[in-house]
C-alpha cells in the first residue's frame, strides 16, 4: 500500500526542513521544533481537555526529572501509564507528545505520567535509561499522592521511547520491581547493533523521503552512545535481552517506516519467549504519525482516531 494521501503533503513540507545532521546543533533544532509546535497550536490544533494536568519534579540526589501528570475525572485510585516520548534519544519533550498523553488519559481513564528524561548528546546513555527507571520507582513510591494503583502500572513509548519503555520492563524483571503489567511499544527502535548490517529490508526501503531517515538514525545514535559502547547490551538494544517473563506487550508498527522490520522481529521474539504479544502493522502510514502536531493529522483524523482508540482499548483491557 502506498503512503496515505493525508501524509503526502506533510512529507512534502518536511523536505523543506533541514535535517538535524545538516544543522548539527541539537539545542537549535529543539528550539525550532518547539517553535513549530507553538505555530501549529496558534493555527488551530486543539488539545483535548483533561480534568487535571500538573508539572512535577522527581527530586533525586544528583538531579531532577520533570514529569507531567494527567489525571482523569473521577474518584480513583486509577491505573497508571508511564509514557516515554521518542525523538532518537536526542529530541522532543513533554510538549511534543502532550496531545496523545491527554487522549490516553481520557480514553483509558488512567493517570498518565509523561517523563522528560535527559537527552543526548548532553547526557549520553545510560542517563535516559536511568531517568526512566527512576520515574517508574517514583510512580510506585508515590502511588497514594498520585491517586494510582501501584499494582496496575503500564509503560508506553514511541520510537526511542519504545526502546526505553521495554528496557525498563526488562530492568523491572531483573530488579524484581516495580511490577509492570503491560508494555505498549509504538514503532520501537530496539536494535542499534544492526544499524549498519542491512538485515532489515525496511531500513533500505524507507531510508529517505518518509519522515525519519537513515542518516538521522546514524547521526543521533553516534551522539547517544559512547564510542566504546557494546550495542548488543540489552539496555541499548533490548532485542538482545532475555525476554522470558516480561509483561504482556502490544507492538505497533508503521508500514512506511525504517524501524518496521525490527519492531516486528521484536514482537516475534517476545512471542517465542512466551510473552503474550499482539503485533499490529498500520498500513499506509509513516514513522511517528501519531505526533505530527499538524492540524488535520492528529485528533479527529480517521487514521489517527482508529489507531489511538485501538491502543486505548489495549490499555483498558490490560488494566482490568
C-alpha atoms as a PDB file:
ATOM      1  CA  UNK A   1       0.000   0.000   0.000  1.00  0.00           C
ATOM      2  CA  UNK A   2       1.274   3.470  -0.823  1.00  0.00           C
ATOM      3  CA  UNK A   3       1.553   6.247   1.732  1.00  0.00           C
ATOM      4  CA  UNK A   4      -1.895   7.524   2.676  1.00  0.00           C
ATOM      5  CA  UNK A   5      -2.718  10.775   0.869  1.00  0.00           C
ATOM      6  CA  UNK A   6      -3.185  12.670   4.140  1.00  0.00           C
ATOM      7  CA  UNK A   7       0.530  12.264   4.880  1.00  0.00           C
ATOM      8  CA  UNK A   8       1.930  13.077   1.430  1.00  0.00           C
ATOM      9  CA  UNK A   9       1.524  16.835   1.896  1.00  0.00           C
ATOM     10  CA  UNK A  10       3.151  16.555   5.312  1.00  0.00           C
ATOM     11  CA  UNK A  11       6.116  14.687   3.822  1.00  0.00           C
ATOM     12  CA  UNK A  12       6.434  17.274   1.064  1.00  0.00           C
ATOM     13  CA  UNK A  13       6.602  20.058   3.654  1.00  0.00           C
ATOM     14  CA  UNK A  14       9.210  18.096   5.622  1.00  0.00           C
ATOM     15  CA  UNK A  15      11.568  18.253   2.629  1.00  0.00           C
ATOM     16  CA  UNK A  16      11.983  21.984   3.266  1.00  0.00           C
ATOM     17  CA  UNK A  17      13.125  21.418   6.848  1.00  0.00           C
ATOM     18  CA  UNK A  18      16.895  20.954   7.244  1.00  0.00           C
ATOM     19  CA  UNK A  19      17.913  17.663   8.806  1.00  0.00           C
ATOM     20  CA  UNK A  20      19.475  17.555  12.241  1.00  0.00           C
ATOM     21  CA  UNK A  21      22.659  16.284  10.621  1.00  0.00           C
ATOM     22  CA  UNK A  22      22.780  19.383   8.389  1.00  0.00           C
ATOM     23  CA  UNK A  23      22.128  21.790  11.249  1.00  0.00           C
ATOM     24  CA  UNK A  24      24.411  19.847  13.637  1.00  0.00           C
ATOM     25  CA  UNK A  25      23.182  21.863  16.606  1.00  0.00           C
ATOM     26  CA  UNK A  26      20.860  19.984  18.950  1.00  0.00           C
ATOM     27  CA  UNK A  27      19.723  22.954  21.096  1.00  0.00           C
ATOM     28  CA  UNK A  28      18.884  24.901  17.933  1.00  0.00           C
ATOM     29  CA  UNK A  29      16.904  22.009  16.452  1.00  0.00           C
ATOM     30  CA  UNK A  30      14.973  21.629  19.711  1.00  0.00           C
ATOM     31  CA  UNK A  31      14.139  25.339  19.632  1.00  0.00           C
ATOM     32  CA  UNK A  32      12.964  25.006  16.031  1.00  0.00           C
ATOM     33  CA  UNK A  33      10.734  22.052  16.928  1.00  0.00           C
ATOM     34  CA  UNK A  34       9.232  23.874  19.899  1.00  0.00           C
ATOM     35  CA  UNK A  35       8.576  26.968  17.768  1.00  0.00           C
ATOM     36  CA  UNK A  36       6.944  24.806  15.106  1.00  0.00           C
ATOM     37  CA  UNK A  37       4.672  23.319  17.761  1.00  0.00           C
ATOM     38  CA  UNK A  38       3.701  26.780  19.026  1.00  0.00           C
ATOM     39  CA  UNK A  39       2.939  27.863  15.453  1.00  0.00           C
ATOM     40  CA  UNK A  40       0.727  24.838  14.879  1.00  0.00           C
ATOM     41  CA  UNK A  41      -1.159  25.442  18.112  1.00  0.00           C
ATOM     42  CA  UNK A  42      -1.725  29.024  17.034  1.00  0.00           C
ATOM     43  CA  UNK A  43      -3.013  27.758  13.679  1.00  0.00           C
ATOM     44  CA  UNK A  44      -5.773  25.688  15.174  1.00  0.00           C
ATOM     45  CA  UNK A  45      -4.508  22.463  16.726  1.00  0.00           C
ATOM     46  CA  UNK A  46      -6.604  21.860  19.815  1.00  0.00           C
ATOM     47  CA  UNK A  47      -5.615  19.975  22.936  1.00  0.00           C
ATOM     48  CA  UNK A  48      -8.170  17.611  24.475  1.00  0.00           C
ATOM     49  CA  UNK A  49      -9.400  18.882  27.819  1.00  0.00           C
ATOM     50  CA  UNK A  50      -8.196  16.832  30.784  1.00  0.00           C
ATOM     51  CA  UNK A  51      -9.531  17.080  34.331  1.00  0.00           C
ATOM     52  CA  UNK A  52      -6.111  17.904  35.812  1.00  0.00           C
ATOM     53  CA  UNK A  53      -2.633  18.388  34.328  1.00  0.00           C
ATOM     54  CA  UNK A  54       0.310  19.048  36.646  1.00  0.00           C
ATOM     55  CA  UNK A  55       4.023  19.500  36.021  1.00  0.00           C
ATOM     56  CA  UNK A  56       6.088  17.954  38.807  1.00  0.00           C
ATOM     57  CA  UNK A  57       9.750  17.284  39.593  1.00  0.00           C
ATOM     58  CA  UNK A  58      11.207  13.982  40.725  1.00  0.00           C
ATOM     59  CA  UNK A  59      13.939  15.087  43.093  1.00  0.00           C
ATOM     60  CA  UNK A  60      16.993  12.828  43.168  1.00  0.00           C
ATOM     61  CA  UNK A  61      20.324  13.459  44.876  1.00  0.00           C
ATOM     62  CA  UNK A  62      22.121  14.355  41.657  1.00  0.00           C
ATOM     63  CA  UNK A  63      19.381  15.977  39.557  1.00  0.00           C
ATOM     64  CA  UNK A  64      15.657  16.452  38.995  1.00  0.00           C
ATOM     65  CA  UNK A  65      13.463  14.739  36.430  1.00  0.00           C
ATOM     66  CA  UNK A  66      10.494  16.783  35.137  1.00  0.00           C
ATOM     67  CA  UNK A  67       7.283  14.820  34.642  1.00  0.00           C
ATOM     68  CA  UNK A  68       3.798  15.809  33.568  1.00  0.00           C
ATOM     69  CA  UNK A  69       0.900  14.108  35.337  1.00  0.00           C
ATOM     70  CA  UNK A  70      -2.504  13.834  33.648  1.00  0.00           C
ATOM     71  CA  UNK A  71      -5.434  12.809  35.858  1.00  0.00           C
ATOM     72  CA  UNK A  72      -8.919  11.940  34.557  1.00  0.00           C
ATOM     73  CA  UNK A  73     -12.167  12.952  36.169  1.00  0.00           C
ATOM     74  CA  UNK A  74     -13.366  10.635  38.911  1.00  0.00           C
ATOM     75  CA  UNK A  75     -12.521   9.471  42.411  1.00  0.00           C
ATOM     76  CA  UNK A  76      -9.819   6.909  41.674  1.00  0.00           C
ATOM     77  CA  UNK A  77      -7.489   5.385  42.506  1.00  0.00           C
ATOM     78  CA  UNK A  78      -6.685   4.919  38.833  1.00  0.00           C
ATOM     79  CA  UNK A  79      -4.382   2.637  36.860  1.00  0.00           C
ATOM     80  CA  UNK A  80      -1.306   4.489  35.635  1.00  0.00           C
ATOM     81  CA  UNK A  81       0.571   4.685  32.338  1.00  0.00           C
ATOM     82  CA  UNK A  82       4.224   5.760  32.357  1.00  0.00           C
ATOM     83  CA  UNK A  83       4.746   7.362  28.954  1.00  0.00           C
ATOM     84  CA  UNK A  84       8.212   7.888  27.413  1.00  0.00           C
ATOM     85  CA  UNK A  85       8.441  10.135  24.360  1.00  0.00           C
ATOM     86  CA  UNK A  86      10.535   9.385  21.297  1.00  0.00           C
ATOM     87  CA  UNK A  87      12.985  11.604  19.449  1.00  0.00           C
ATOM     88  CA  UNK A  88      16.043   9.459  18.672  1.00  0.00           C
ATOM     89  CA  UNK A  89      17.219   9.889  22.295  1.00  0.00           C
ATOM     90  CA  UNK A  90      18.121  13.491  21.443  1.00  0.00           C
ATOM     91  CA  UNK A  91      14.935  15.436  20.704  1.00  0.00           C
ATOM     92  CA  UNK A  92      11.357  16.220  21.744  1.00  0.00           C
ATOM     93  CA  UNK A  93       9.792  16.900  25.094  1.00  0.00           C
ATOM     94  CA  UNK A  94       6.697  16.734  27.261  1.00  0.00           C
ATOM     95  CA  UNK A  95       5.011  19.208  24.901  1.00  0.00           C
ATOM     96  CA  UNK A  96       5.650  17.281  21.675  1.00  0.00           C
ATOM     97  CA  UNK A  97       3.603  14.300  22.929  1.00  0.00           C
ATOM     98  CA  UNK A  98       1.098  16.215  25.013  1.00  0.00           C
ATOM     99  CA  UNK A  99      -1.923  15.593  22.771  1.00  0.00           C
ATOM    100  CA  UNK A 100      -1.502  11.804  22.822  1.00  0.00           C
ATOM    101  CA  UNK A 101      -0.986  11.729  26.597  1.00  0.00           C
ATOM    102  CA  UNK A 102      -4.163  13.751  27.060  1.00  0.00           C
ATOM    103  CA  UNK A 103      -6.022  11.383  24.736  1.00  0.00           C
ATOM    104  CA  UNK A 104      -4.807   8.287  26.602  1.00  0.00           C
ATOM    105  CA  UNK A 105      -5.797   9.831  29.927  1.00  0.00           C
ATOM    106  CA  UNK A 106      -9.344  10.471  28.726  1.00  0.00           C
ATOM    107  CA  UNK A 107      -9.875   7.353  26.630  1.00  0.00           C
ATOM    108  CA  UNK A 108      -8.321   4.862  29.036  1.00  0.00           C
ATOM    109  CA  UNK A 109      -9.432   6.602  32.231  1.00  0.00           C
ATOM    110  CA  UNK A 110      -5.969   6.283  33.707  1.00  0.00           C
ATOM    111  CA  UNK A 111      -3.385   8.628  35.120  1.00  0.00           C
ATOM    112  CA  UNK A 112      -0.598   9.280  32.614  1.00  0.00           C
ATOM    113  CA  UNK A 113       2.879  10.220  33.825  1.00  0.00           C
ATOM    114  CA  UNK A 114       4.982  11.573  30.947  1.00  0.00           C
ATOM    115  CA  UNK A 115       8.752  11.594  31.547  1.00  0.00           C
ATOM    116  CA  UNK A 116      11.106  14.383  30.438  1.00  0.00           C
ATOM    117  CA  UNK A 117      14.255  12.259  30.619  1.00  0.00           C
ATOM    118  CA  UNK A 118      17.683  13.726  29.959  1.00  0.00           C
ATOM    119  CA  UNK A 119      18.622  13.859  26.290  1.00  0.00           C
ATOM    120  CA  UNK A 120      21.804  13.163  24.363  1.00  0.00           C
ATOM    121  CA  UNK A 121      24.295  14.428  23.419  1.00  0.00           C
ATOM    122  CA  UNK A 122      24.424  16.426  26.665  1.00  0.00           C
ATOM    123  CA  UNK A 123      23.572  13.240  28.567  1.00  0.00           C
ATOM    124  CA  UNK A 124      24.609  10.073  26.766  1.00  0.00           C
ATOM    125  CA  UNK A 125      23.489   6.528  27.537  1.00  0.00           C
ATOM    126  CA  UNK A 126      22.622   5.335  30.155  1.00  0.00           C
ATOM    127  CA  UNK A 127      21.321   8.622  31.617  1.00  0.00           C
ATOM    128  CA  UNK A 128      17.982   8.362  29.796  1.00  0.00           C
ATOM    129  CA  UNK A 129      17.565   4.729  30.838  1.00  0.00           C
ATOM    130  CA  UNK A 130      18.257   5.626  34.461  1.00  0.00           C
ATOM    131  CA  UNK A 131      15.805   8.539  34.408  1.00  0.00           C
ATOM    132  CA  UNK A 132      13.017   6.350  33.053  1.00  0.00           C
ATOM    133  CA  UNK A 133      13.603   3.596  35.596  1.00  0.00           C
ATOM    134  CA  UNK A 134      13.826   6.163  38.415  1.00  0.00           C
ATOM    135  CA  UNK A 135      10.500   7.576  37.201  1.00  0.00           C
ATOM    136  CA  UNK A 136       8.974   4.094  37.419  1.00  0.00           C
ATOM    137  CA  UNK A 137      10.238   3.776  41.009  1.00  0.00           C
ATOM    138  CA  UNK A 138       8.797   7.215  41.811  1.00  0.00           C
ATOM    139  CA  UNK A 139       5.367   6.293  40.477  1.00  0.00           C
ATOM    140  CA  UNK A 140       5.214   3.215  42.692  1.00  0.00           C
ATOM    141  CA  UNK A 141       6.559   5.016  45.757  1.00  0.00           C
ATOM    142  CA  UNK A 142       4.159   7.950  45.341  1.00  0.00           C
ATOM    143  CA  UNK A 143       1.083   5.969  44.331  1.00  0.00           C
ATOM    144  CA  UNK A 144      -1.088   7.431  47.102  1.00  0.00           C
ATOM    145  CA  UNK A 145      -0.165  11.024  46.270  1.00  0.00           C
ATOM    146  CA  UNK A 146      -0.786  10.339  42.570  1.00  0.00           C
ATOM    147  CA  UNK A 147      -4.057   8.517  43.366  1.00  0.00           C
ATOM    148  CA  UNK A 148      -2.968   5.484  41.356  1.00  0.00           C
ATOM    149  CA  UNK A 149      -2.944   1.734  41.828  1.00  0.00           C
ATOM    150  CA  UNK A 150       0.665   0.542  42.326  1.00  0.00           C
ATOM    151  CA  UNK A 151      -0.222  -2.918  41.015  1.00  0.00           C
ATOM    152  CA  UNK A 152      -1.609  -1.517  37.745  1.00  0.00           C
ATOM    153  CA  UNK A 153       1.348   0.190  36.076  1.00  0.00           C
ATOM    154  CA  UNK A 154       1.835   0.010  32.313  1.00  0.00           C
ATOM    155  CA  UNK A 155       4.589   1.568  30.214  1.00  0.00           C
ATOM    156  CA  UNK A 156       4.380   3.025  26.719  1.00  0.00           C
ATOM    157  CA  UNK A 157       6.682   4.814  24.329  1.00  0.00           C
ATOM    158  CA  UNK A 158       7.273   5.557  20.674  1.00  0.00           C
ATOM    159  CA  UNK A 159      10.467   5.023  18.674  1.00  0.00           C
ATOM    160  CA  UNK A 160      13.362   5.709  21.070  1.00  0.00           C
ATOM    161  CA  UNK A 161      10.715   5.964  23.778  1.00  0.00           C
ATOM    162  CA  UNK A 162       9.585   2.470  22.855  1.00  0.00           C
ATOM    163  CA  UNK A 163      13.177   1.359  23.321  1.00  0.00           C
ATOM    164  CA  UNK A 164      13.301   2.914  26.789  1.00  0.00           C
ATOM    165  CA  UNK A 165       9.881   1.564  27.750  1.00  0.00           C
ATOM    166  CA  UNK A 166      10.784  -2.050  27.013  1.00  0.00           C
ATOM    167  CA  UNK A 167      14.270  -1.581  28.513  1.00  0.00           C
ATOM    168  CA  UNK A 168      12.747  -0.592  31.859  1.00  0.00           C
ATOM    169  CA  UNK A 169      10.350  -3.532  31.572  1.00  0.00           C
ATOM    170  CA  UNK A 170      13.437  -5.761  31.328  1.00  0.00           C
ATOM    171  CA  UNK A 171      15.102  -3.944  34.230  1.00  0.00           C
ATOM    172  CA  UNK A 172      11.944  -4.260  36.305  1.00  0.00           C
ATOM    173  CA  UNK A 173      12.059  -8.026  35.827  1.00  0.00           C
ATOM    174  CA  UNK A 174      15.776  -8.230  36.660  1.00  0.00           C
ATOM    175  CA  UNK A 175      15.462  -5.989  39.731  1.00  0.00           C
ATOM    176  CA  UNK A 176      12.212  -7.534  40.987  1.00  0.00           C
ATOM    177  CA  UNK A 177      10.096  -4.462  40.510  1.00  0.00           C
ATOM    178  CA  UNK A 178       8.266  -2.266  40.257  1.00  0.00           C
ATOM    179  CA  UNK A 179       5.869  -4.646  38.557  1.00  0.00           C
ATOM    180  CA  UNK A 180       4.695  -3.654  35.074  1.00  0.00           C
ATOM    181  CA  UNK A 181       1.539  -5.272  33.713  1.00  0.00           C
ATOM    182  CA  UNK A 182       1.786  -4.232  30.054  1.00  0.00           C
ATOM    183  CA  UNK A 183       4.101  -2.554  27.567  1.00  0.00           C
ATOM    184  CA  UNK A 184       2.717  -0.603  24.612  1.00  0.00           C
ATOM    185  CA  UNK A 185       5.502  -0.113  22.083  1.00  0.00           C
ATOM    186  CA  UNK A 186       4.846   2.231  19.177  1.00  0.00           C
ATOM    187  CA  UNK A 187       7.237   1.709  16.215  1.00  0.00           C
ATOM    188  CA  UNK A 188      10.027   0.963  18.707  1.00  0.00           C
ATOM    189  CA  UNK A 189      13.718   1.352  17.900  1.00  0.00           C
ATOM    190  CA  UNK A 190      15.037  -1.817  19.533  1.00  0.00           C
ATOM    191  CA  UNK A 191      18.181  -2.745  17.576  1.00  0.00           C
ATOM    192  CA  UNK A 192      21.065  -0.268  17.395  1.00  0.00           C
ATOM    193  CA  UNK A 193      23.562  -3.080  16.751  1.00  0.00           C
ATOM    194  CA  UNK A 194      22.299  -3.777  13.219  1.00  0.00           C
ATOM    195  CA  UNK A 195      22.133  -0.182  12.007  1.00  0.00           C
ATOM    196  CA  UNK A 196      24.965  -0.873   9.557  1.00  0.00           C
ATOM    197  CA  UNK A 197      24.353  -4.529   8.644  1.00  0.00           C
ATOM    198  CA  UNK A 198      21.383  -4.195   6.294  1.00  0.00           C
ATOM    199  CA  UNK A 199      19.477  -7.149   7.748  1.00  0.00           C
ATOM    200  CA  UNK A 200      16.174  -5.256   7.825  1.00  0.00           C
ATOM    201  CA  UNK A 201      14.654  -4.641   4.359  1.00  0.00           C
ATOM    202  CA  UNK A 202      12.507  -1.774   5.664  1.00  0.00           C
ATOM    203  CA  UNK A 203      15.671   0.124   6.574  1.00  0.00           C
ATOM    204  CA  UNK A 204      16.681   0.236   2.904  1.00  0.00           C
ATOM    205  CA  UNK A 205      13.162   0.643   1.502  1.00  0.00           C
ATOM    206  CA  UNK A 206      12.463   3.752   3.594  1.00  0.00           C
ATOM    207  CA  UNK A 207      15.892   5.248   4.179  1.00  0.00           C
ATOM    208  CA  UNK A 208      14.907   8.608   2.674  1.00  0.00           C
ATOM    209  CA  UNK A 209      11.718  10.530   1.990  1.00  0.00           C
ATOM    210  CA  UNK A 210       9.435   9.027   4.644  1.00  0.00           C
ATOM    211  CA  UNK A 211       9.967  11.445   7.532  1.00  0.00           C
ATOM    212  CA  UNK A 212      12.526   9.546   9.572  1.00  0.00           C
ATOM    213  CA  UNK A 213      15.695   8.991   7.529  1.00  0.00           C
ATOM    214  CA  UNK A 214      18.620   6.619   7.804  1.00  0.00           C
ATOM    215  CA  UNK A 215      21.199   9.399   8.163  1.00  0.00           C
ATOM    216  CA  UNK A 216      19.273  10.711  11.147  1.00  0.00           C
ATOM    217  CA  UNK A 217      19.405   7.334  12.903  1.00  0.00           C
ATOM    218  CA  UNK A 218      23.138   7.059  12.330  1.00  0.00           C
ATOM    219  CA  UNK A 219      23.807  10.624  13.436  1.00  0.00           C
ATOM    220  CA  UNK A 220      21.719  10.510  16.605  1.00  0.00           C
ATOM    221  CA  UNK A 221      22.943   7.056  17.633  1.00  0.00           C
ATOM    222  CA  UNK A 222      26.526   8.331  17.386  1.00  0.00           C
ATOM    223  CA  UNK A 223      25.588  11.131  19.790  1.00  0.00           C
ATOM    224  CA  UNK A 224      23.581   8.886  22.152  1.00  0.00           C
ATOM    225  CA  UNK A 225      26.230   6.237  22.682  1.00  0.00           C
ATOM    226  CA  UNK A 226      29.811   6.395  23.945  1.00  0.00           C
ATOM    227  CA  UNK A 227      32.340   5.361  21.322  1.00  0.00           C
ATOM    228  CA  UNK A 228      33.158   2.071  23.062  1.00  0.00           C
ATOM    229  CA  UNK A 229      29.528   1.072  23.685  1.00  0.00           C
ATOM    230  CA  UNK A 230      28.529  -2.566  23.279  1.00  0.00           C
ATOM    231  CA  UNK A 231      25.463  -2.085  21.104  1.00  0.00           C
ATOM    232  CA  UNK A 232      24.272  -5.609  21.948  1.00  0.00           C
ATOM    233  CA  UNK A 233      23.819  -4.501  25.559  1.00  0.00           C
ATOM    234  CA  UNK A 234      20.070  -5.008  26.194  1.00  0.00           C
ATOM    235  CA  UNK A 235      19.791  -1.547  27.739  1.00  0.00           C
ATOM    236  CA  UNK A 236      20.849  -0.201  24.322  1.00  0.00           C
ATOM    237  CA  UNK A 237      19.312  -2.818  22.018  1.00  0.00           C
ATOM    238  CA  UNK A 238      16.575  -4.592  24.003  1.00  0.00           C
ATOM    239  CA  UNK A 239      16.047  -7.081  21.182  1.00  0.00           C
ATOM    240  CA  UNK A 240      19.129  -8.889  22.570  1.00  0.00           C
ATOM    241  CA  UNK A 241      17.771  -9.150  26.117  1.00  0.00           C
ATOM    242  CA  UNK A 242      16.345 -12.141  27.977  1.00  0.00           C
ATOM    243  CA  UNK A 243      12.692 -11.704  27.059  1.00  0.00           C
ATOM    244  CA  UNK A 244      11.304 -14.557  29.148  1.00  0.00           C
ATOM    245  CA  UNK A 245       8.937 -13.451  31.875  1.00  0.00           C
ATOM    246  CA  UNK A 246       8.380  -9.939  30.566  1.00  0.00           C
ATOM    247  CA  UNK A 247       4.948  -8.314  30.866  1.00  0.00           C
ATOM    248  CA  UNK A 248       2.488  -8.718  28.013  1.00  0.00           C
ATOM    249  CA  UNK A 249       3.144  -6.459  25.062  1.00  0.00           C
ATOM    250  CA  UNK A 250       1.488  -4.705  22.165  1.00  0.00           C
ATOM    251  CA  UNK A 251       3.827  -3.722  19.345  1.00  0.00           C
ATOM    252  CA  UNK A 252       2.530  -1.268  16.752  1.00  0.00           C
ATOM    253  CA  UNK A 253       4.488  -0.704  13.548  1.00  0.00           C
ATOM    254  CA  UNK A 254       4.033   1.640  10.577  1.00  0.00           C
ATOM    255  CA  UNK A 255       4.152   0.279   7.028  1.00  0.00           C
ATOM    256  CA  UNK A 256       6.396   3.039   5.638  1.00  0.00           C
ATOM    257  CA  UNK A 257       8.959   3.171   8.437  1.00  0.00           C
ATOM    258  CA  UNK A 258      12.598   2.120   8.575  1.00  0.00           C
ATOM    259  CA  UNK A 259      12.004   0.622  12.033  1.00  0.00           C
ATOM    260  CA  UNK A 260       9.111  -1.578  10.894  1.00  0.00           C
ATOM    261  CA  UNK A 261      11.008  -4.835  10.469  1.00  0.00           C
ATOM    262  CA  UNK A 262      12.974  -4.719  13.715  1.00  0.00           C
ATOM    263  CA  UNK A 263       9.805  -3.876  15.630  1.00  0.00           C
ATOM    264  CA  UNK A 264       8.043  -6.845  14.078  1.00  0.00           C
ATOM    265  CA  UNK A 265      11.008  -9.116  14.768  1.00  0.00           C
ATOM    266  CA  UNK A 266      10.969  -7.958  18.393  1.00  0.00           C
ATOM    267  CA  UNK A 267       7.283  -8.871  18.622  1.00  0.00           C
ATOM    268  CA  UNK A 268       8.072 -12.349  17.267  1.00  0.00           C
ATOM    269  CA  UNK A 269      10.938 -12.787  19.726  1.00  0.00           C
ATOM    270  CA  UNK A 270       8.620 -11.806  22.576  1.00  0.00           C
ATOM    271  CA  UNK A 271       6.076 -14.358  21.381  1.00  0.00           C
ATOM    272  CA  UNK A 272       8.777 -17.036  21.059  1.00  0.00           C
ATOM    273  CA  UNK A 273       9.841 -16.266  24.639  1.00  0.00           C
ATOM    274  CA  UNK A 274       6.302 -16.961  25.852  1.00  0.00           C
ATOM    275  CA  UNK A 275       5.284 -13.334  26.338  1.00  0.00           C
ATOM    276  CA  UNK A 276       1.646 -12.666  25.329  1.00  0.00           C
ATOM    277  CA  UNK A 277       2.190 -10.221  22.469  1.00  0.00           C
ATOM    278  CA  UNK A 278      -0.055  -8.573  19.902  1.00  0.00           C
ATOM    279  CA  UNK A 279       1.512  -7.143  16.748  1.00  0.00           C
ATOM    280  CA  UNK A 280      -0.353  -4.568  14.676  1.00  0.00           C
ATOM    281  CA  UNK A 281       1.054  -3.116  11.464  1.00  0.00           C
ATOM    282  CA  UNK A 282      -0.721   0.059  10.366  1.00  0.00           C
ATOM    283  CA  UNK A 283      -0.904   0.269   6.573  1.00  0.00           C
ATOM    284  CA  UNK A 284      -0.268   3.477   4.653  1.00  0.00           C
ATOM    285  CA  UNK A 285       1.353   5.430   7.490  1.00  0.00           C
ATOM    286  CA  UNK A 286       4.839   6.746   8.273  1.00  0.00           C
ATOM    287  CA  UNK A 287       7.060   6.736  11.326  1.00  0.00           C
ATOM    288  CA  UNK A 288       5.681   8.816  14.163  1.00  0.00           C
ATOM    289  CA  UNK A 289       2.351   9.593  12.525  1.00  0.00           C
ATOM    290  CA  UNK A 290       0.744   9.968  15.981  1.00  0.00           C
ATOM    291  CA  UNK A 291       2.899  13.031  16.662  1.00  0.00           C
ATOM    292  CA  UNK A 292       2.935  15.250  13.589  1.00  0.00           C
ATOM    293  CA  UNK A 293       1.257  18.064  15.593  1.00  0.00           C
ATOM    294  CA  UNK A 294      -0.223  19.282  12.311  1.00  0.00           C
ATOM    295  CA  UNK A 295      -3.850  20.378  12.036  1.00  0.00           C
ATOM    296  CA  UNK A 296      -5.921  17.657  10.423  1.00  0.00           C
ATOM    297  CA  UNK A 297      -3.426  14.860  11.080  1.00  0.00           C
ATOM    298  CA  UNK A 298      -3.897  14.381  14.814  1.00  0.00           C
ATOM    299  CA  UNK A 299      -7.079  14.057  16.875  1.00  0.00           C
ATOM    300  CA  UNK A 300     -10.083  13.862  14.567  1.00  0.00           C
ATOM    301  CA  UNK A 301      -8.195  12.349  11.629  1.00  0.00           C
ATOM    302  CA  UNK A 302      -9.808   8.930  10.932  1.00  0.00           C
ATOM    303  CA  UNK A 303      -6.499   7.017  10.761  1.00  0.00           C
ATOM    304  CA  UNK A 304      -5.294   8.671  13.958  1.00  0.00           C
ATOM    305  CA  UNK A 305      -8.600   8.066  15.744  1.00  0.00           C
ATOM    306  CA  UNK A 306      -8.831   4.400  14.751  1.00  0.00           C
ATOM    307  CA  UNK A 307      -5.361   3.571  15.975  1.00  0.00           C
ATOM    308  CA  UNK A 308      -5.342   5.686  19.128  1.00  0.00           C
ATOM    309  CA  UNK A 309      -8.630   4.007  20.036  1.00  0.00           C
ATOM    310  CA  UNK A 310      -7.011   0.617  19.381  1.00  0.00           C
ATOM    311  CA  UNK A 311      -4.169   1.490  21.765  1.00  0.00           C
ATOM    312  CA  UNK A 312      -6.597   2.824  24.360  1.00  0.00           C
ATOM    313  CA  UNK A 313      -8.607  -0.405  24.210  1.00  0.00           C
ATOM    314  CA  UNK A 314      -5.400  -2.429  24.649  1.00  0.00           C
ATOM    315  CA  UNK A 315      -4.575  -0.457  27.787  1.00  0.00           C
ATOM    316  CA  UNK A 316      -8.103  -0.664  29.197  1.00  0.00           C
ATOM    317  CA  UNK A 317      -8.032  -4.441  28.792  1.00  0.00           C
ATOM    318  CA  UNK A 318      -4.587  -4.687  30.386  1.00  0.00           C
ATOM    319  CA  UNK A 319      -5.802  -2.706  33.386  1.00  0.00           C
ATOM    320  CA  UNK A 320      -8.882  -4.890  34.017  1.00  0.00           C
END
